[in-house]
């Protein structure tokens, strides 16, 4: 069971608790039923921009490091420790594996390259997007979420910036082009 964990640049909040408690409940129930569950929850310790949808703004962790006059990994480690402590206080069990985003950049690049090679992604202005329509032609999109591609709505009027790069409104970024000063460069 793979669960997206926190981006560690600030104190844990109710959203972190909700997600952790929800998936802890699923994990414990599956274990109770006798399933062997490998529970993976990632820690995003690099690469989240202030405006994720449009790939703009400063990296959240780098910004916090600049403000607190620390190294970015010091910020990430500090808030990871606080997050883990808060989840223990809520009696949430630790996952089997807790990888960090920065620890798996080569694998991320390889996966994105394979997705491009297989024609399920495309490049636009230095960013890479998952091609939802092409995927739907080959596989059943939304099988787990029970969402139909033709029922997905475009972004709200408040969030239209950046849509011009996408071929289809439901396409999503696998990698956003980084500003020259950002540590997440892809050559």
Foldseek 3Di string as FASTA:
>chain_A
DEEEAEAQQDADDPVRQVRLVVVLVVVVVCVVVPDDDQYEYEYEQDDCAPPNQQPDHDISLVVSCVVVVHDSVVRSVVRVVNSVVVCVVVVRDDGNYYYYPVVCVVVLVVVLVVCVVVVQWDDFPQWIKGNPVVVVVPDPPCPPVPDHPVPDDADDPVPCRNCVRDPDRPIGTSGDDDDPVGPDHDD
